[in-house]
Amino acid sequence: MTISPDAYTPAEVVAQIANVGVQKGNMRLDKVFFSSVSAGCLLVFACGTDNALGLIRTICALVFPYGLCMIILTGADMCTGSFMMLIHWFVTFLGNLAGSLFMVSIIFGSSDGNVFSANPFKSEVIAFATRKQTIPDFYMVFLRGIGCNWLVCLVYFGIQGRDLTSKIIGIWWPIFAFVSLGYDHVVVNMMFVPMAIWVDAPAITVGLYIWKEIMPTLVGNIIGGGLFCGGDYCYMYFLCAEPSLIDGMGTPMEAVILKAKLDDLEAGGAVV
């Protein structure tokens, strides 16, 4: 008896991702912004559980992916997923930062309910941010950013599953991998480093955060997600490939490209 997993093929997944990219690329910018604010908030909830070392950190790495699951299942936007869609970079980055800083300052940073203002949580926040900011060299943060978003963008292959459980499992493991390896994700660190600044971590400043965290991690995430993940699978399954129909029917890859061009023409006509 032949066992065949009930899943979409990689080519079908790439076609679906391209279709999602067309839809998101034509989304109104105000919706993109508020969607990315929501994503920043949801991810910070998960970051609050990832604040330990050793075996406990491994357990936290197993729990952390629920944040990405909430983001993907609600359709929210992260800039590290939009690195395969150039138009969204700036808007989603600002939205993610706004959502993360809201959570740090209002939800986690409130004077009465700030669990991170007392030890052992405060000392671990400071130690974690110090390991991320002051210890590694610039190029190390950059390389960890590449590895991180290479894995993070693989969560889109959770689309291979045809049911909700399969999709969640497909999302879970790449995120567990990047957290357990200690890689750097620009949106995740929008919680950890500002939280350390909020609790007066020594030697960690806003300027250091921008220079040694946002810049190398952002560029690394762009390369990891856009080139090593998006570029690779686009080359393998999209360029010079036979049309890939989803479930034997629906939208082939050529139609996705044609729809994007038609939508651009319609948008241009609307502006005029």
C-alpha atoms as a PDB file:
ATOM      1  CA  MET A   1       0.000   0.000   0.000  1.00  0.00           C
ATOM      2  CA  THR A   2       1.353   3.391  -0.995  1.00  0.00           C
ATOM      3  CA  ILE A   3       1.208   6.130   1.633  1.00  0.00           C
ATOM      4  CA  SER A   4       0.667   9.552   0.086  1.00  0.00           C
ATOM      5  CA  PRO A   5       0.449  12.633   2.327  1.00  0.00           C
ATOM      6  CA  ASP A   6      -2.590  14.763   1.602  1.00  0.00           C
ATOM      7  CA  ALA A   7      -0.688  17.987   0.968  1.00  0.00           C
ATOM      8  CA  TYR A   8      -0.129  20.541  -1.755  1.00  0.00           C
ATOM      9  CA  THR A   9       3.048  20.196  -3.800  1.00  0.00           C
ATOM     10  CA  PRO A  10       5.810  22.826  -3.445  1.00  0.00           C
ATOM     11  CA  ALA A  11       4.842  24.229  -6.873  1.00  0.00           C
ATOM     12  CA  GLU A  12       1.212  24.569  -5.786  1.00  0.00           C
ATOM     13  CA  VAL A  13       2.338  26.286  -2.583  1.00  0.00           C
ATOM     14  CA  VAL A  14       4.433  28.812  -4.529  1.00  0.00           C
ATOM     15  CA  ALA A  15       1.425  29.524  -6.764  1.00  0.00           C
ATOM     16  CA  GLN A  16      -0.749  30.128  -3.686  1.00  0.00           C
ATOM     17  CA  ILE A  17       1.887  32.376  -2.104  1.00  0.00           C
ATOM     18  CA  ALA A  18       2.102  34.377  -5.344  1.00  0.00           C
ATOM     19  CA  ASN A  19      -1.677  34.778  -5.272  1.00  0.00           C
ATOM     20  CA  VAL A  20      -1.532  35.987  -1.648  1.00  0.00           C
ATOM     21  CA  GLY A  21       1.218  38.414  -2.667  1.00  0.00           C
ATOM     22  CA  VAL A  22      -1.029  39.850  -5.385  1.00  0.00           C
ATOM     23  CA  GLN A  23      -3.843  40.359  -2.870  1.00  0.00           C
ATOM     24  CA  LYS A  24      -1.599  41.962  -0.252  1.00  0.00           C
ATOM     25  CA  GLY A  25       0.165  44.066  -2.869  1.00  0.00           C
ATOM     26  CA  ASN A  26      -3.178  45.603  -3.809  1.00  0.00           C
ATOM     27  CA  MET A  27      -4.352  46.139  -0.230  1.00  0.00           C
ATOM     28  CA  ARG A  28      -4.974  49.740   0.825  1.00  0.00           C
ATOM     29  CA  LEU A  29      -1.999  51.137   2.740  1.00  0.00           C
ATOM     30  CA  ASP A  30      -4.089  52.084   5.774  1.00  0.00           C
ATOM     31  CA  LYS A  31      -5.191  48.448   6.066  1.00  0.00           C
ATOM     32  CA  VAL A  32      -1.591  47.286   5.624  1.00  0.00           C
ATOM     33  CA  PHE A  33      -0.480  49.589   8.441  1.00  0.00           C
ATOM     34  CA  PHE A  34      -3.142  48.539  10.949  1.00  0.00           C
ATOM     35  CA  SER A  35      -2.673  44.881  10.002  1.00  0.00           C
ATOM     36  CA  SER A  36       1.042  45.214  10.764  1.00  0.00           C
ATOM     37  CA  VAL A  37       0.285  47.006  14.070  1.00  0.00           C
ATOM     38  CA  SER A  38      -1.831  43.981  15.004  1.00  0.00           C
ATOM     39  CA  ALA A  39       1.012  41.640  14.037  1.00  0.00           C
ATOM     40  CA  GLY A  40       3.460  43.580  16.221  1.00  0.00           C
ATOM     41  CA  CYS A  41       1.110  43.318  19.205  1.00  0.00           C
ATOM     42  CA  LEU A  42       0.439  39.599  18.742  1.00  0.00           C
ATOM     43  CA  LEU A  43       4.131  38.780  18.431  1.00  0.00           C
ATOM     44  CA  VAL A  44       4.988  40.627  21.643  1.00  0.00           C
ATOM     45  CA  PHE A  45       2.601  38.339  23.558  1.00  0.00           C
ATOM     46  CA  ALA A  46       4.731  35.392  22.411  1.00  0.00           C
ATOM     47  CA  CYS A  47       7.953  37.270  23.201  1.00  0.00           C
ATOM     48  CA  GLY A  48       6.812  37.570  26.802  1.00  0.00           C
ATOM     49  CA  THR A  49       7.126  33.788  27.160  1.00  0.00           C
ATOM     50  CA  ASP A  50      10.596  33.571  25.612  1.00  0.00           C
ATOM     51  CA  ASN A  51      12.726  34.915  28.431  1.00  0.00           C
ATOM     52  CA  ALA A  52      14.812  32.083  29.855  1.00  0.00           C
ATOM     53  CA  LEU A  53      17.942  29.977  29.378  1.00  0.00           C
ATOM     54  CA  GLY A  54      18.901  26.327  29.082  1.00  0.00           C
ATOM     55  CA  LEU A  55      16.190  23.691  29.045  1.00  0.00           C
ATOM     56  CA  ILE A  56      13.577  26.287  29.950  1.00  0.00           C
ATOM     57  CA  ARG A  57      14.577  28.299  26.868  1.00  0.00           C
ATOM     58  CA  THR A  58      14.110  25.202  24.716  1.00  0.00           C
ATOM     59  CA  ILE A  59      10.634  24.803  26.166  1.00  0.00           C
ATOM     60  CA  CYS A  60       9.980  28.500  25.507  1.00  0.00           C
ATOM     61  CA  ALA A  61      11.138  27.992  21.914  1.00  0.00           C
ATOM     62  CA  LEU A  62       8.504  25.281  21.584  1.00  0.00           C
ATOM     63  CA  VAL A  63       5.836  27.651  22.903  1.00  0.00           C
ATOM     64  CA  PHE A  64       6.912  30.825  21.068  1.00  0.00           C
ATOM     65  CA  PRO A  65       5.506  29.874  17.622  1.00  0.00           C
ATOM     66  CA  TYR A  66       1.944  30.464  18.838  1.00  0.00           C
ATOM     67  CA  GLY A  67       2.577  34.153  18.138  1.00  0.00           C
ATOM     68  CA  LEU A  68       3.333  33.490  14.479  1.00  0.00           C
ATOM     69  CA  CYS A  69       0.359  31.139  14.284  1.00  0.00           C
ATOM     70  CA  MET A  70      -1.945  33.923  15.489  1.00  0.00           C
ATOM     71  CA  ILE A  71      -0.429  36.351  12.970  1.00  0.00           C
ATOM     72  CA  ILE A  72      -0.761  34.034   9.980  1.00  0.00           C
ATOM     73  CA  LEU A  73      -4.197  32.672  10.878  1.00  0.00           C
ATOM     74  CA  THR A  74      -5.563  36.199  11.388  1.00  0.00           C
ATOM     75  CA  GLY A  75      -3.951  37.452   8.171  1.00  0.00           C
ATOM     76  CA  ALA A  76      -1.887  40.145   9.925  1.00  0.00           C
ATOM     77  CA  ASP A  77       1.253  41.522   8.234  1.00  0.00           C
ATOM     78  CA  MET A  78       4.869  41.364   9.378  1.00  0.00           C
ATOM     79  CA  CYS A  79       7.575  43.251   7.522  1.00  0.00           C
ATOM     80  CA  THR A  80       9.751  40.119   7.497  1.00  0.00           C
ATOM     81  CA  GLY A  81       7.062  38.373   5.458  1.00  0.00           C
ATOM     82  CA  SER A  82       6.701  41.381   3.202  1.00  0.00           C
ATOM     83  CA  PHE A  83      10.378  41.309   2.178  1.00  0.00           C
ATOM     84  CA  MET A  84       9.141  39.234  -0.744  1.00  0.00           C
ATOM     85  CA  MET A  85       6.772  42.136  -1.614  1.00  0.00           C
ATOM     86  CA  LEU A  86       8.759  45.348  -1.959  1.00  0.00           C
ATOM     87  CA  ILE A  87       5.823  47.738  -1.684  1.00  0.00           C
ATOM     88  CA  HIS A  88       5.066  46.748   1.902  1.00  0.00           C
ATOM     89  CA  TRP A  89       8.504  47.119   3.448  1.00  0.00           C
ATOM     90  CA  PHE A  90       8.213  50.625   4.841  1.00  0.00           C
ATOM     91  CA  VAL A  91       4.551  50.539   5.908  1.00  0.00           C
ATOM     92  CA  THR A  92       4.709  47.138   7.609  1.00  0.00           C
ATOM     93  CA  PHE A  93       7.958  48.017   9.407  1.00  0.00           C
ATOM     94  CA  LEU A  94       6.420  51.164  10.892  1.00  0.00           C
ATOM     95  CA  GLY A  95       3.253  49.278  11.831  1.00  0.00           C
ATOM     96  CA  ASN A  96       5.154  46.441  13.499  1.00  0.00           C
ATOM     97  CA  LEU A  97       7.276  48.954  15.428  1.00  0.00           C
ATOM     98  CA  ALA A  98       4.196  50.912  16.527  1.00  0.00           C
ATOM     99  CA  GLY A  99       2.436  47.760  17.737  1.00  0.00           C
ATOM    100  CA  SER A 100       5.517  46.478  19.567  1.00  0.00           C
ATOM    101  CA  LEU A 101       6.228  49.790  21.305  1.00  0.00           C
ATOM    102  CA  PHE A 102       2.570  50.056  22.317  1.00  0.00           C
ATOM    103  CA  MET A 103       2.789  46.657  23.989  1.00  0.00           C
ATOM    104  CA  VAL A 104       6.121  47.453  25.672  1.00  0.00           C
ATOM    105  CA  SER A 105       5.063  50.843  27.035  1.00  0.00           C
ATOM    106  CA  ILE A 106       1.369  50.344  27.800  1.00  0.00           C
ATOM    107  CA  ILE A 107       0.682  46.640  28.309  1.00  0.00           C
ATOM    108  CA  PHE A 108       3.991  45.283  29.654  1.00  0.00           C
ATOM    109  CA  GLY A 109       5.370  48.612  30.871  1.00  0.00           C
ATOM    110  CA  SER A 110       2.487  49.818  33.038  1.00  0.00           C
ATOM    111  CA  SER A 111       3.623  50.609  36.565  1.00  0.00           C
ATOM    112  CA  ASP A 112       1.187  48.232  38.274  1.00  0.00           C
ATOM    113  CA  GLY A 113       1.337  45.294  35.902  1.00  0.00           C
ATOM    114  CA  ASN A 114       4.923  45.314  34.625  1.00  0.00           C
ATOM    115  CA  VAL A 115       6.148  41.810  35.409  1.00  0.00           C
ATOM    116  CA  PHE A 116       9.504  42.683  33.846  1.00  0.00           C
ATOM    117  CA  SER A 117      10.253  45.413  36.418  1.00  0.00           C
ATOM    118  CA  ALA A 118      11.053  42.861  39.132  1.00  0.00           C
ATOM    119  CA  ASN A 119      13.644  40.117  39.332  1.00  0.00           C
ATOM    120  CA  PRO A 120      14.271  37.515  38.080  1.00  0.00           C
ATOM    121  CA  PHE A 121      12.446  38.735  34.959  1.00  0.00           C
ATOM    122  CA  LYS A 122      14.095  42.177  34.901  1.00  0.00           C
ATOM    123  CA  SER A 123      17.615  40.752  35.150  1.00  0.00           C
ATOM    124  CA  GLU A 124      16.869  38.240  32.386  1.00  0.00           C
ATOM    125  CA  VAL A 125      15.487  40.954  30.081  1.00  0.00           C
ATOM    126  CA  ILE A 126      18.679  42.962  30.599  1.00  0.00           C
ATOM    127  CA  ALA A 127      20.917  39.909  30.160  1.00  0.00           C
ATOM    128  CA  PHE A 128      19.066  38.841  27.010  1.00  0.00           C
ATOM    129  CA  ALA A 129      19.267  42.308  25.454  1.00  0.00           C
ATOM    130  CA  THR A 130      22.948  42.569  26.385  1.00  0.00           C
ATOM    131  CA  ARG A 131      23.669  39.284  24.613  1.00  0.00           C
ATOM    132  CA  LYS A 132      21.819  40.595  21.568  1.00  0.00           C
ATOM    133  CA  GLN A 133      23.235  44.131  21.504  1.00  0.00           C
ATOM    134  CA  THR A 134      26.561  44.648  23.201  1.00  0.00           C
ATOM    135  CA  ILE A 135      28.341  41.282  22.922  1.00  0.00           C
ATOM    136  CA  PRO A 136      28.073  40.291  19.213  1.00  0.00           C
ATOM    137  CA  ASP A 137      29.796  42.196  16.414  1.00  0.00           C
ATOM    138  CA  PHE A 138      27.773  43.941  13.713  1.00  0.00           C
ATOM    139  CA  TYR A 139      28.451  41.225  11.132  1.00  0.00           C
ATOM    140  CA  MET A 140      27.341  38.489  13.547  1.00  0.00           C
ATOM    141  CA  VAL A 141      23.950  40.147  14.012  1.00  0.00           C
ATOM    142  CA  PHE A 142      23.700  40.489  10.225  1.00  0.00           C
ATOM    143  CA  LEU A 143      24.419  36.786   9.637  1.00  0.00           C
ATOM    144  CA  ARG A 144      21.982  35.728  12.356  1.00  0.00           C
ATOM    145  CA  GLY A 145      19.379  37.916  10.661  1.00  0.00           C
ATOM    146  CA  ILE A 146      19.890  36.021   7.392  1.00  0.00           C
ATOM    147  CA  GLY A 147      19.444  32.629   9.043  1.00  0.00           C
ATOM    148  CA  CYS A 148      16.434  33.838  11.009  1.00  0.00           C
ATOM    149  CA  ASN A 149      14.237  35.072   8.188  1.00  0.00           C
ATOM    150  CA  TRP A 150      15.304  32.218   5.931  1.00  0.00           C
ATOM    151  CA  LEU A 151      13.587  29.982   8.493  1.00  0.00           C
ATOM    152  CA  VAL A 152      10.715  32.360   9.257  1.00  0.00           C
ATOM    153  CA  CYS A 153       9.645  32.635   5.614  1.00  0.00           C
ATOM    154  CA  LEU A 154       9.474  28.847   5.458  1.00  0.00           C
ATOM    155  CA  VAL A 155       6.355  29.070   7.629  1.00  0.00           C
ATOM    156  CA  TYR A 156       4.479  29.888   4.439  1.00  0.00           C
ATOM    157  CA  PHE A 157       4.968  26.270   3.518  1.00  0.00           C
ATOM    158  CA  GLY A 158       2.452  25.547   6.249  1.00  0.00           C
ATOM    159  CA  ILE A 159       0.158  26.271   3.310  1.00  0.00           C
ATOM    160  CA  GLN A 160       1.071  22.767   2.138  1.00  0.00           C
ATOM    161  CA  GLY A 161      -1.363  21.385   4.685  1.00  0.00           C
ATOM    162  CA  ARG A 162      -4.994  21.123   3.652  1.00  0.00           C
ATOM    163  CA  ASP A 163      -6.411  21.333   7.187  1.00  0.00           C
ATOM    164  CA  LEU A 164      -5.848  23.707  10.105  1.00  0.00           C
ATOM    165  CA  THR A 165      -3.844  21.235  12.208  1.00  0.00           C
ATOM    166  CA  SER A 166      -1.425  20.516   9.371  1.00  0.00           C
ATOM    167  CA  LYS A 167      -0.964  24.227   8.702  1.00  0.00           C
ATOM    168  CA  ILE A 168      -0.158  24.970  12.364  1.00  0.00           C
ATOM    169  CA  ILE A 169       2.390  22.130  12.467  1.00  0.00           C
ATOM    170  CA  GLY A 170       3.978  23.467   9.275  1.00  0.00           C
ATOM    171  CA  ILE A 171       4.247  26.919  10.851  1.00  0.00           C
ATOM    172  CA  TRP A 172       5.568  25.648  14.183  1.00  0.00           C
ATOM    173  CA  TRP A 173       8.883  23.967  13.376  1.00  0.00           C
ATOM    174  CA  PRO A 174      10.727  26.704  11.421  1.00  0.00           C
ATOM    175  CA  ILE A 175       9.894  29.166  14.213  1.00  0.00           C
ATOM    176  CA  PHE A 176      11.054  26.735  16.887  1.00  0.00           C
ATOM    177  CA  ALA A 177      14.314  26.362  14.935  1.00  0.00           C
ATOM    178  CA  PHE A 178      15.116  30.084  14.738  1.00  0.00           C
ATOM    179  CA  VAL A 179      14.241  30.745  18.404  1.00  0.00           C
ATOM    180  CA  SER A 180      16.211  27.780  19.737  1.00  0.00           C
ATOM    181  CA  LEU A 181      19.223  28.752  17.574  1.00  0.00           C
ATOM    182  CA  GLY A 182      19.162  32.306  18.932  1.00  0.00           C
ATOM    183  CA  TYR A 183      18.848  34.003  15.547  1.00  0.00           C
ATOM    184  CA  ASP A 184      17.792  37.646  15.240  1.00  0.00           C
ATOM    185  CA  HIS A 185      14.377  38.725  13.988  1.00  0.00           C
ATOM    186  CA  VAL A 186      13.873  42.465  13.619  1.00  0.00           C
ATOM    187  CA  VAL A 187      10.223  42.413  14.793  1.00  0.00           C
ATOM    188  CA  VAL A 188      10.817  40.018  17.704  1.00  0.00           C
ATOM    189  CA  ASN A 189      13.644  42.254  18.924  1.00  0.00           C
ATOM    190  CA  MET A 190      11.271  45.230  18.779  1.00  0.00           C
ATOM    191  CA  MET A 191      10.049  43.872  22.094  1.00  0.00           C
ATOM    192  CA  PHE A 192      13.214  42.595  23.797  1.00  0.00           C
ATOM    193  CA  VAL A 193      15.553  45.557  23.291  1.00  0.00           C
ATOM    194  CA  PRO A 194      13.015  48.374  23.923  1.00  0.00           C
ATOM    195  CA  MET A 195      11.864  46.448  27.015  1.00  0.00           C
ATOM    196  CA  ALA A 196      15.465  46.453  28.273  1.00  0.00           C
ATOM    197  CA  ILE A 197      15.714  50.194  27.601  1.00  0.00           C
ATOM    198  CA  TRP A 198      12.408  50.655  29.448  1.00  0.00           C
ATOM    199  CA  VAL A 199      13.784  48.965  32.599  1.00  0.00           C
ATOM    200  CA  ASP A 200      17.014  51.050  32.424  1.00  0.00           C
ATOM    201  CA  ALA A 201      19.444  48.442  31.152  1.00  0.00           C
ATOM    202  CA  PRO A 202      23.005  49.815  31.345  1.00  0.00           C
ATOM    203  CA  ALA A 203      24.895  50.481  28.092  1.00  0.00           C
ATOM    204  CA  ILE A 204      21.810  49.912  25.911  1.00  0.00           C
ATOM    205  CA  THR A 205      20.551  53.073  24.232  1.00  0.00           C
ATOM    206  CA  VAL A 206      18.158  53.965  21.440  1.00  0.00           C
ATOM    207  CA  GLY A 207      21.106  54.843  19.207  1.00  0.00           C
ATOM    208  CA  LEU A 208      22.769  51.478  19.841  1.00  0.00           C
ATOM    209  CA  TYR A 209      19.467  49.723  19.159  1.00  0.00           C
ATOM    210  CA  ILE A 210      19.095  51.448  15.783  1.00  0.00           C
ATOM    211  CA  TRP A 211      22.739  50.984  14.729  1.00  0.00           C
ATOM    212  CA  LYS A 212      23.522  47.506  16.012  1.00  0.00           C
ATOM    213  CA  GLU A 213      20.100  45.838  15.992  1.00  0.00           C
ATOM    214  CA  ILE A 214      17.653  47.338  13.524  1.00  0.00           C
ATOM    215  CA  MET A 215      20.131  47.973  10.696  1.00  0.00           C
ATOM    216  CA  PRO A 216      22.037  44.638  10.549  1.00  0.00           C
ATOM    217  CA  THR A 217      19.019  42.521  11.449  1.00  0.00           C
ATOM    218  CA  LEU A 218      16.751  44.266   8.957  1.00  0.00           C
ATOM    219  CA  VAL A 219      19.228  43.862   6.089  1.00  0.00           C
ATOM    220  CA  GLY A 220      19.923  40.260   7.105  1.00  0.00           C
ATOM    221  CA  ASN A 221      16.203  39.477   7.292  1.00  0.00           C
ATOM    222  CA  ILE A 222      15.687  41.004   3.830  1.00  0.00           C
ATOM    223  CA  ILE A 223      18.410  38.811   2.339  1.00  0.00           C
ATOM    224  CA  GLY A 224      17.320  35.674   4.187  1.00  0.00           C
ATOM    225  CA  GLY A 225      13.644  36.019   3.326  1.00  0.00           C
ATOM    226  CA  GLY A 226      13.832  37.687  -0.060  1.00  0.00           C
ATOM    227  CA  LEU A 227      16.825  35.894  -1.588  1.00  0.00           C
ATOM    228  CA  PHE A 228      17.407  32.568   0.138  1.00  0.00           C
ATOM    229  CA  CYS A 229      13.734  31.742   0.572  1.00  0.00           C
ATOM    230  CA  GLY A 230      11.610  33.801  -1.831  1.00  0.00           C
ATOM    231  CA  GLY A 231      14.206  34.001  -4.604  1.00  0.00           C
ATOM    232  CA  ASP A 232      15.133  30.339  -4.367  1.00  0.00           C
ATOM    233  CA  TYR A 233      11.594  28.960  -4.557  1.00  0.00           C
ATOM    234  CA  CYS A 234      10.575  31.475  -7.191  1.00  0.00           C
ATOM    235  CA  TYR A 235      13.447  30.235  -9.351  1.00  0.00           C
ATOM    236  CA  MET A 236      12.718  26.580  -8.644  1.00  0.00           C
ATOM    237  CA  TYR A 237       8.946  26.540  -9.140  1.00  0.00           C
ATOM    238  CA  PHE A 238       7.883  29.803 -10.765  1.00  0.00           C
ATOM    239  CA  LEU A 239      10.307  30.906 -13.485  1.00  0.00           C
ATOM    240  CA  CYS A 240      10.282  28.954 -16.755  1.00  0.00           C
ATOM    241  CA  ALA A 241       7.973  26.362 -15.204  1.00  0.00           C
ATOM    242  CA  GLU A 242       4.844  24.699 -16.446  1.00  0.00           C
ATOM    243  CA  PRO A 243       1.592  26.248 -15.165  1.00  0.00           C
ATOM    244  CA  SER A 244       0.815  24.864 -11.724  1.00  0.00           C
ATOM    245  CA  LEU A 245      -2.893  24.437 -11.109  1.00  0.00           C
ATOM    246  CA  ILE A 246      -4.081  24.220  -7.519  1.00  0.00           C
ATOM    247  CA  ASP A 247      -6.068  21.011  -6.978  1.00  0.00           C
ATOM    248  CA  GLY A 248      -6.036  20.553 -10.730  1.00  0.00           C
ATOM    249  CA  MET A 249      -7.925  23.752 -11.362  1.00  0.00           C
ATOM    250  CA  GLY A 250      -7.990  27.397 -10.364  1.00  0.00           C
ATOM    251  CA  THR A 251      -5.290  29.972 -10.869  1.00  0.00           C
ATOM    252  CA  PRO A 252      -2.120  28.990 -12.761  1.00  0.00           C
ATOM    253  CA  MET A 253       1.057  30.940 -12.153  1.00  0.00           C
ATOM    254  CA  GLU A 254       0.778  32.856 -15.427  1.00  0.00           C
ATOM    255  CA  ALA A 255      -2.671  34.062 -14.400  1.00  0.00           C
ATOM    256  CA  VAL A 256      -1.265  35.383 -11.117  1.00  0.00           C
ATOM    257  CA  ILE A 257       1.212  37.530 -13.050  1.00  0.00           C
ATOM    258  CA  LEU A 258      -1.492  38.694 -15.466  1.00  0.00           C
ATOM    259  CA  LYS A 259      -3.831  39.590 -12.597  1.00  0.00           C
ATOM    260  CA  ALA A 260      -1.090  41.666 -10.952  1.00  0.00           C
ATOM    261  CA  LYS A 261      -0.572  43.606 -14.195  1.00  0.00           C
ATOM    262  CA  LEU A 262      -4.304  44.173 -14.663  1.00  0.00           C
ATOM    263  CA  ASP A 263      -4.684  45.330 -11.060  1.00  0.00           C
ATOM    264  CA  ASP A 264      -1.824  47.785 -11.568  1.00  0.00           C
ATOM    265  CA  LEU A 265      -3.528  49.166 -14.682  1.00  0.00           C
ATOM    266  CA  GLU A 266      -6.858  49.489 -12.851  1.00  0.00           C
ATOM    267  CA  ALA A 267      -5.178  51.201  -9.893  1.00  0.00           C
ATOM    268  CA  GLY A 268      -3.469  53.618 -12.268  1.00  0.00           C
ATOM    269  CA  GLY A 269      -6.769  54.380 -13.984  1.00  0.00           C
ATOM    270  CA  ALA A 270      -8.461  54.971 -10.630  1.00  0.00           C
ATOM    271  CA  VAL A 271      -5.789  57.489  -9.666  1.00  0.00           C
ATOM    272  CA  VAL A 272      -6.286  59.394 -12.910  1.00  0.00           C
END
